[in-house]
Protein backbone atom coordinates (compact mmCIF):
# COMPACT_ATOMS: atom_id res chain seq x y z
CA UNK A 1 59.31 37.61 -90.46
CA UNK A 2 60.69 34.09 -90.12
CA UNK A 3 62.55 33.05 -93.25
CA UNK A 4 61.85 29.92 -95.25
CA UNK A 5 64.30 27.84 -97.28
CA UNK A 6 63.64 30.19 -100.23
CA UNK A 7 62.84 27.39 -102.67
CA UNK A 8 60.56 29.65 -104.72
CA UNK A 9 63.36 32.04 -105.63
CA UNK A 10 64.45 29.62 -108.36
CA UNK A 11 61.22 30.40 -110.25
CA UNK A 12 62.85 33.68 -111.24
CA UNK A 13 66.30 32.32 -112.08
CA UNK A 14 68.07 34.20 -114.84
CA UNK A 15 67.81 31.20 -117.16
CA UNK A 16 64.03 30.99 -116.71
CA UNK A 17 63.62 34.71 -117.33
CA UNK A 18 65.86 34.54 -120.38
CA UNK A 19 63.63 31.79 -121.82
CA UNK A 20 60.57 33.98 -121.35
CA UNK A 21 62.34 36.96 -122.88
CA UNK A 22 63.36 34.94 -125.94
CA UNK A 23 59.76 33.79 -126.34
CA UNK A 24 58.44 37.35 -126.26
CA UNK A 25 61.12 38.52 -128.69
CA UNK A 26 59.74 36.06 -131.28
CA UNK A 27 56.50 38.06 -131.48
CA UNK A 28 56.32 40.52 -134.40
CA UNK A 29 54.73 42.99 -131.97
CA UNK A 30 57.68 42.88 -129.59
CA UNK A 31 59.90 45.81 -128.80
CA UNK A 32 61.46 46.98 -125.55
CA UNK A 33 59.24 49.44 -123.75
CA UNK A 34 60.89 52.77 -122.91
CA UNK A 35 62.82 53.40 -119.72
CA UNK A 36 62.22 57.08 -119.04
CA UNK A 37 65.10 58.86 -117.32
CA UNK A 38 63.68 61.68 -115.20
CA UNK A 39 66.82 63.68 -114.47
CA UNK A 40 65.10 66.92 -113.51
CA UNK A 41 62.62 65.17 -111.23
CA UNK A 42 65.51 63.31 -109.61
CA UNK A 43 67.14 66.65 -108.83
CA UNK A 44 63.86 67.99 -107.43
CA UNK A 45 63.53 64.92 -105.19
CA UNK A 46 67.21 65.14 -104.16
CA UNK A 47 68.17 61.68 -105.42
CA UNK A 48 70.95 60.74 -107.79
CA UNK A 49 68.94 59.10 -110.58
CA UNK A 50 65.29 58.22 -111.26
CA UNK A 51 63.96 55.90 -113.96
CA UNK A 52 60.42 54.82 -114.88
CA UNK A 53 59.76 51.73 -117.01
CA UNK A 54 56.84 52.76 -119.24
CA UNK A 55 54.61 49.76 -119.96
CA UNK A 56 51.99 51.78 -121.83
CA UNK A 57 53.84 50.74 -125.00
CA UNK A 58 53.68 46.97 -124.42
CA UNK A 59 52.36 45.17 -127.53
CA UNK A 60 49.96 48.12 -128.09
CA UNK A 61 47.94 46.85 -125.12
CA UNK A 62 48.78 49.69 -122.73
CA UNK A 63 49.91 47.40 -119.88
CA UNK A 64 52.54 44.81 -118.94
CA UNK A 65 50.16 41.96 -118.10
CA UNK A 66 50.29 40.32 -121.53
CA UNK A 67 53.84 39.22 -120.77
CA UNK A 68 52.62 36.74 -118.19
CA UNK A 69 49.50 35.45 -119.88
CA UNK A 70 51.13 34.86 -123.25
CA UNK A 71 54.09 32.98 -121.77
CA UNK A 72 51.87 30.83 -119.56
CA UNK A 73 49.70 29.81 -122.52
CA UNK A 74 52.80 28.93 -124.54
CA UNK A 75 54.30 26.92 -121.67
CA UNK A 76 51.04 25.02 -121.27
CA UNK A 77 50.97 24.17 -124.98
CA UNK A 78 54.64 23.14 -124.81
CA UNK A 79 53.93 20.77 -121.94
CA UNK A 80 50.88 19.26 -123.63
CA UNK A 81 52.76 18.65 -126.89
CA UNK A 82 56.00 17.45 -125.30
CA UNK A 83 58.06 20.32 -126.64
CA UNK A 84 60.55 22.72 -125.13
CA UNK A 85 59.40 26.34 -124.94
CA UNK A 86 62.42 27.32 -127.06
CA UNK A 87 60.77 25.49 -129.97
CA UNK A 88 57.51 27.41 -129.69
CA UNK A 89 58.14 30.75 -131.32
CA UNK A 90 55.26 32.94 -132.38
CA UNK A 91 55.38 31.56 -135.93
CA UNK A 92 55.20 27.98 -134.69
CA UNK A 93 52.42 28.68 -132.19
CA UNK A 94 50.26 30.31 -134.83
CA UNK A 95 50.86 27.60 -137.44
CA UNK A 96 48.24 25.17 -138.70
CA UNK A 97 50.64 22.34 -137.92
CA UNK A 98 50.67 23.15 -134.20
CA UNK A 99 46.92 23.64 -134.09
CA UNK A 100 46.47 20.17 -135.59
CA UNK A 101 48.92 18.78 -133.05
CA UNK A 102 47.54 20.57 -129.98
CA UNK A 103 43.95 21.27 -130.90
CA UNK A 104 42.11 24.08 -129.17
CA UNK A 105 41.78 24.94 -125.50
CA UNK A 106 39.64 27.47 -123.67
CA UNK A 107 41.64 29.66 -121.31
CA UNK A 108 39.66 31.02 -118.37
CA UNK A 109 40.73 33.93 -116.20
CA UNK A 110 39.53 36.65 -113.83
CA UNK A 111 40.62 40.26 -114.20
CA UNK A 112 39.98 43.91 -113.53
CA UNK A 113 41.04 44.51 -117.13
CA UNK A 114 44.75 44.31 -117.93
CA UNK A 115 45.47 40.63 -117.21
CA UNK A 116 42.29 39.48 -118.92
CA UNK A 117 43.00 41.61 -121.95
CA UNK A 118 46.47 40.12 -122.17
CA UNK A 119 45.17 36.54 -121.93
CA UNK A 120 42.44 37.29 -124.48
CA UNK A 121 44.93 38.91 -126.86
CA UNK A 122 47.37 36.01 -126.59
CA UNK A 123 44.64 33.38 -127.00
CA UNK A 124 43.29 35.21 -130.03
CA UNK A 125 46.72 35.51 -131.66
CA UNK A 126 47.47 31.84 -130.97
CA UNK A 127 44.09 30.67 -132.33
CA UNK A 128 42.74 29.62 -128.93
CA UNK A 129 39.64 30.64 -126.95
CA UNK A 130 39.39 32.87 -123.87
CA UNK A 131 36.67 33.39 -121.26
CA UNK A 132 37.07 36.29 -118.83
CA UNK A 133 35.25 36.99 -115.54
CA UNK A 134 35.39 40.62 -114.39
CA UNK A 135 34.49 41.99 -110.93
CA UNK A 136 31.78 44.50 -110.14
CA UNK A 137 32.90 48.06 -110.72
CA UNK A 138 34.76 47.14 -113.92
CA UNK A 139 34.59 50.05 -116.33
CA UNK A 140 32.94 49.81 -119.73
CA UNK A 141 36.19 50.65 -121.51
CA UNK A 142 38.12 47.78 -119.95
CA UNK A 143 35.25 45.36 -120.62
CA UNK A 144 35.01 46.38 -124.28
CA UNK A 145 38.78 46.09 -124.79
CA UNK A 146 38.55 42.41 -123.88
CA UNK A 147 35.57 41.80 -126.17
CA UNK A 148 37.60 43.26 -129.03
CA UNK A 149 40.01 40.34 -128.66
CA UNK A 150 37.25 37.85 -129.56
CA UNK A 151 36.93 36.68 -125.96
CA UNK A 152 33.80 35.92 -123.99
CA UNK A 153 33.60 38.33 -121.03
CA UNK A 154 31.13 39.04 -118.24
CA UNK A 155 31.00 41.54 -115.39
CA UNK A 156 29.95 39.69 -112.24
CA UNK A 157 28.34 40.87 -109.02
CA UNK A 158 31.45 39.73 -107.16
CA UNK A 159 34.89 40.97 -106.17
CA UNK A 160 38.13 39.95 -107.87
CA UNK A 161 38.91 36.98 -105.65
CA UNK A 162 35.40 35.59 -106.08
CA UNK A 163 35.82 35.91 -109.86
CA UNK A 164 39.03 33.89 -109.62
CA UNK A 165 37.08 31.06 -108.02
CA UNK A 166 34.40 31.34 -110.69
CA UNK A 167 37.00 31.09 -113.45
CA UNK A 168 38.61 28.05 -111.84
CA UNK A 169 35.27 26.31 -111.48
CA UNK A 170 34.27 27.06 -115.07
CA UNK A 171 37.59 25.73 -116.38
CA UNK A 172 37.20 22.53 -114.37
CA UNK A 173 33.78 21.95 -115.93
CA UNK A 174 34.84 22.64 -119.54
CA UNK A 175 36.47 20.20 -121.92
CA UNK A 176 40.03 21.41 -122.55
CA UNK A 177 39.43 24.21 -120.07
CA UNK A 178 42.49 25.80 -118.46
CA UNK A 179 42.58 28.52 -115.82
CA UNK A 180 45.33 31.09 -116.44
CA UNK A 181 45.53 33.16 -113.28
CA UNK A 182 48.38 35.23 -111.88
CA UNK A 183 47.70 34.10 -108.34
CA UNK A 184 48.58 30.75 -106.80
CA UNK A 185 46.98 28.52 -104.21
CA UNK A 186 47.56 25.01 -102.97
CA UNK A 187 47.33 22.69 -105.95
CA UNK A 188 47.55 25.51 -108.48
CA UNK A 189 51.14 26.70 -108.78
CA UNK A 190 52.64 25.75 -112.13
CA UNK A 191 50.81 28.27 -114.33
CA UNK A 192 51.23 31.17 -111.86
CA UNK A 193 54.98 30.43 -111.82
CA UNK A 194 55.04 30.67 -115.62
CA UNK A 195 53.17 33.97 -115.45
CA UNK A 196 55.74 35.34 -113.02
CA UNK A 197 58.54 34.29 -115.37
CA UNK A 198 56.78 36.12 -118.18
CA UNK A 199 56.77 39.28 -116.09
CA UNK A 200 60.52 38.87 -115.77
CA UNK A 201 60.93 40.10 -119.35
CA UNK A 202 60.08 43.60 -118.14
CA UNK A 203 62.66 43.50 -115.35
CA UNK A 204 65.35 42.06 -117.63
CA UNK A 205 64.74 44.81 -120.18
CA UNK A 206 65.02 47.41 -117.42
CA UNK A 207 68.43 46.16 -116.26
CA UNK A 208 69.72 46.27 -119.83
CA UNK A 209 68.45 49.82 -120.24
CA UNK A 210 69.93 50.92 -116.91
CA UNK A 211 73.30 49.64 -118.07
CA UNK A 212 72.92 51.59 -121.31
CA UNK A 213 72.33 54.70 -119.18
CA UNK A 214 75.55 53.78 -117.29
CA UNK A 215 73.52 53.42 -114.12
CA UNK A 216 74.23 49.78 -113.36
CA UNK A 217 72.48 48.35 -110.32
CA UNK A 218 69.63 50.45 -108.92
CA UNK A 219 69.77 51.05 -105.18
CA UNK A 220 65.97 50.98 -104.84
CA UNK A 221 63.13 49.38 -106.80
CA UNK A 222 59.49 50.29 -106.18
CA UNK A 223 56.92 47.80 -107.46
CA UNK A 224 53.15 47.57 -107.16
CA UNK A 225 51.28 44.56 -105.81
CA UNK A 226 47.80 43.16 -106.11
CA UNK A 227 48.09 39.43 -105.41
CA UNK A 228 51.86 39.96 -105.49
CA UNK A 229 52.80 38.09 -108.67
CA UNK A 230 54.55 41.06 -110.25
CA UNK A 231 56.19 42.05 -106.97
CA UNK A 232 57.45 38.50 -106.42
CA UNK A 233 58.70 38.33 -109.99
CA UNK A 234 60.57 41.64 -109.75
CA UNK A 235 62.00 40.89 -106.31
CA UNK A 236 62.94 37.38 -107.40
CA UNK A 237 64.66 38.60 -110.55
CA UNK A 238 66.73 41.26 -108.79
CA UNK A 239 67.67 38.88 -105.97
CA UNK A 240 69.01 36.47 -108.59
CA UNK A 241 70.54 39.21 -110.73
CA UNK A 242 72.44 40.81 -107.82
CA UNK A 243 72.76 38.04 -105.22
CA UNK A 244 75.55 39.70 -103.25
CA UNK A 245 74.19 43.25 -103.27
CA UNK A 246 70.50 43.34 -104.21
CA UNK A 247 68.59 46.62 -104.40
CA UNK A 248 66.10 47.52 -101.70
CA UNK A 249 62.66 46.56 -103.00
CA UNK A 250 59.59 48.48 -101.79
CA UNK A 251 56.24 46.76 -102.36
CA UNK A 252 53.37 49.20 -102.89
CA UNK A 253 49.68 48.32 -102.43
CA UNK A 254 46.28 49.99 -102.48
CA UNK A 255 45.17 50.63 -98.91
CA UNK A 256 41.76 49.04 -99.54
CA UNK A 257 43.36 45.75 -100.62
CA UNK A 258 46.69 45.66 -98.77
CA UNK A 259 46.85 41.90 -98.17
CA UNK A 260 50.65 41.72 -98.40
CA UNK A 261 51.10 44.70 -96.09
CA UNK A 262 48.77 43.11 -93.56
CA UNK A 263 50.58 39.80 -93.89
CA UNK A 264 53.91 41.53 -93.28
CA UNK A 265 52.49 43.45 -90.31
CA UNK A 266 51.31 40.17 -88.79
CA UNK A 267 54.98 39.28 -88.51
CA UNK A 268 54.73 35.51 -88.33
CA UNK A 269 54.98 34.74 -92.05
CA UNK A 270 51.32 33.79 -92.42
CA UNK A 271 49.05 35.04 -95.19
CA UNK A 272 46.35 37.56 -94.34
CA UNK A 273 43.31 37.96 -96.59
CA UNK A 274 41.40 41.17 -97.28
CA UNK A 275 37.72 40.65 -98.05
CA UNK A 276 34.81 42.80 -99.22
CA UNK A 277 34.48 45.27 -102.08
CA UNK A 278 38.02 46.71 -101.78
CA UNK A 279 36.99 50.14 -103.05
CA UNK A 280 39.92 51.90 -104.71
CA UNK A 281 40.66 53.65 -107.98
CA UNK A 282 43.64 51.29 -108.31
CA UNK A 283 41.57 48.55 -109.94
CA UNK A 284 44.60 46.50 -110.92
CA UNK A 285 45.65 46.25 -107.28
CA UNK A 286 42.22 45.44 -105.81
CA UNK A 287 43.07 41.86 -104.88
CA UNK A 288 42.68 40.46 -101.40
CA UNK A 289 44.33 37.03 -101.46
CA UNK A 290 48.13 36.83 -101.91
CA UNK A 291 49.87 34.56 -104.39
CA UNK A 292 51.45 31.86 -102.22
CA UNK A 293 54.49 31.51 -104.50
CA UNK A 294 55.23 35.23 -104.50
CA UNK A 295 54.63 35.57 -100.79
CA UNK A 296 57.39 33.06 -100.10
CA UNK A 297 59.83 35.19 -102.11
CA UNK A 298 58.61 38.50 -100.72
CA UNK A 299 58.71 37.59 -97.03
CA UNK A 300 62.31 36.40 -97.42
CA UNK A 301 63.62 39.45 -99.27
CA UNK A 302 61.44 42.58 -99.13
CA UNK A 303 62.38 45.23 -96.61
CA UNK A 304 59.34 47.50 -96.81
CA UNK A 305 55.64 47.04 -97.63
CA UNK A 306 53.56 50.22 -97.98
CA UNK A 307 49.78 50.62 -97.99
CA UNK A 308 48.68 53.65 -100.03
CA UNK A 309 45.35 55.54 -100.15
CA UNK A 310 44.04 56.69 -103.52
CA UNK A 311 45.47 60.22 -103.32
CA UNK A 312 48.96 58.74 -103.64
CA UNK A 313 48.13 57.25 -107.03
CA UNK A 314 46.45 60.48 -108.14
CA UNK A 315 49.56 62.48 -107.24
CA UNK A 316 51.75 60.08 -109.17
CA UNK A 317 49.55 60.27 -112.26
CA UNK A 318 49.72 64.07 -112.34
CA UNK A 319 53.48 64.21 -111.77
CA UNK A 320 54.24 61.78 -114.59
CA UNK A 321 51.72 63.38 -116.97
CA UNK A 322 53.12 66.90 -116.37
CA UNK A 323 56.89 66.39 -116.07
CA UNK A 324 59.49 69.01 -115.25
CA UNK A 325 60.70 70.66 -118.46
CA UNK A 326 63.30 68.49 -120.12
CA UNK A 327 62.02 65.19 -118.73
CA UNK A 328 59.95 62.79 -120.86
CA UNK A 329 56.24 62.42 -120.21
CA UNK A 330 54.89 59.09 -118.93
CA UNK A 331 51.16 58.46 -119.28
CA UNK A 332 50.43 56.26 -116.29
CA UNK A 333 47.13 54.88 -115.00
CA UNK A 334 45.93 54.62 -111.43
CA UNK A 335 47.68 51.35 -110.67
CA UNK A 336 50.77 52.31 -112.63
CA UNK A 337 51.50 55.63 -110.96
CA UNK A 338 51.10 54.86 -107.26
CA UNK A 339 54.83 54.20 -106.77
CA UNK A 340 55.66 57.62 -108.20
CA UNK A 341 53.19 59.24 -105.84
CA UNK A 342 54.62 57.31 -102.92
CA UNK A 343 58.21 58.25 -103.71
CA UNK A 344 57.29 61.95 -103.91
CA UNK A 345 55.32 61.77 -100.66
CA UNK A 346 58.01 60.11 -98.58
CA UNK A 347 60.64 62.58 -99.79
CA UNK A 348 58.66 65.83 -99.82
CA UNK A 349 56.11 65.36 -97.02
CA UNK A 350 57.80 65.86 -93.61
CA UNK A 351 55.43 63.43 -91.89
CA UNK A 352 57.00 60.53 -93.83
CA UNK A 353 60.64 61.31 -93.01
CA UNK A 354 60.90 58.24 -90.81
CA UNK A 355 59.74 56.03 -93.69
CA UNK A 356 62.21 57.65 -96.09
CA UNK A 357 65.06 57.00 -93.66
CA UNK A 358 63.94 53.41 -93.07
CA UNK A 359 64.02 52.74 -96.80
CA UNK A 360 67.42 54.42 -97.00
CA UNK A 361 66.71 56.99 -99.70
CA UNK A 362 69.31 59.74 -99.94
CA UNK A 363 71.23 61.85 -102.46
CA UNK A 364 73.10 58.78 -103.74
CA UNK A 365 69.98 56.75 -104.47
CA UNK A 366 69.35 55.37 -107.95
CA UNK A 367 65.66 54.52 -108.12
CA UNK A 368 63.71 52.36 -110.55
CA UNK A 369 59.90 52.52 -110.79
CA UNK A 370 57.54 50.46 -112.94
CA UNK A 371 54.60 52.25 -114.56
CA UNK A 372 52.67 49.07 -115.17
CA UNK A 373 49.85 50.56 -117.21
CA UNK A 374 48.98 53.58 -119.31
CA UNK A 375 45.56 55.24 -119.50
CA UNK A 376 43.63 51.96 -119.67
CA UNK A 377 40.49 53.95 -118.85
CA UNK A 378 41.05 57.26 -120.70
CA UNK A 379 38.00 59.09 -119.35
CA UNK A 380 38.86 58.30 -115.74
CA UNK A 381 42.44 59.29 -116.44
CA UNK A 382 41.37 62.67 -117.75
CA UNK A 383 39.11 63.21 -114.77
CA UNK A 384 42.04 62.71 -112.41
CA UNK A 385 44.80 64.43 -114.37
CA UNK A 386 42.89 67.27 -116.03
CA UNK A 387 40.11 67.97 -113.59
CA UNK A 388 41.65 66.70 -110.35
CA UNK A 389 38.28 65.04 -109.82
CA UNK A 390 37.60 62.88 -106.82
CA UNK A 391 36.77 59.53 -108.37
CA UNK A 392 34.01 57.63 -106.62
CA UNK A 393 34.90 53.96 -106.53
CA UNK A 394 32.19 51.36 -106.89
């Protein structure tokens, strides 16, 4: 694809990510999530090293998304009160003094579950309000998890992208209403950039943990994409972290909502939109309109985009849940496990040999995966992992 001037890469500068990390570290709930080293699985897959960042432990919310929503809310409050984000620790944000200074806002968002739960949790902790629009097909468990955070939530007869527009409209018509969405469009870029920086905490933790394992720079990083905010954040961070020798980043999407894959396949740098119901078990990836900020980073740096049917995610879930003896278990949900399923497929299934060679995976490869969610819908997780059930998407 034709390259741009790469102006968006600075969003994920190391200084910006460090500021987000310091903010998250001020939370009493903060701790680094585990980086599981799967040595026996690496040997089985004939690679040098394999690591999985396990986000099921993040703030007891079972997913990474809270990193972005919480940081964006804090950055918004910092801007409105004329403060630097370094001044707004958790204790300050939850103080009566700041509430008197800032007042109260209502943060609107759209979600399949994880992002909305993170925004609702952060708003609740910081004594703010949250309103969440959820697309049709949202499971009862994910809906109820958001209600538990004292948020207002509704399941709409609409897909994810339509819910985003509903949230934006509702925020525009509400006094002190703010839309906190992890996708960007023309005229709405500042908050999505903050969300991406918040996601950088996860990548920064992973590099620290890799160094503790004496791994150093990974050769390959697999990362999932819905609108592409996480993928752009991860790619942006590693491009800044290793500017002279960055790892190969593989962006992984659900086949039913592969807007980035289709945009890459178009080849001219333009954005392609996927419409309709986007039926997939990977609810967190069922997004059809790319984040414009992330797309600018991705099209300049990513080597491979892959569109995956549901069976790839199912395979990944089972492999992580039932590890080879001696490896740690990782409980990973449908959207979290698809990269594991993809890695296994391209190495073990002969029909994908060409893809494996194009990515450059061999016996010297050191591979990092992100399990972005745990069993956010436990009953569906059991149906896939225990019963190998074919899940009918709505």
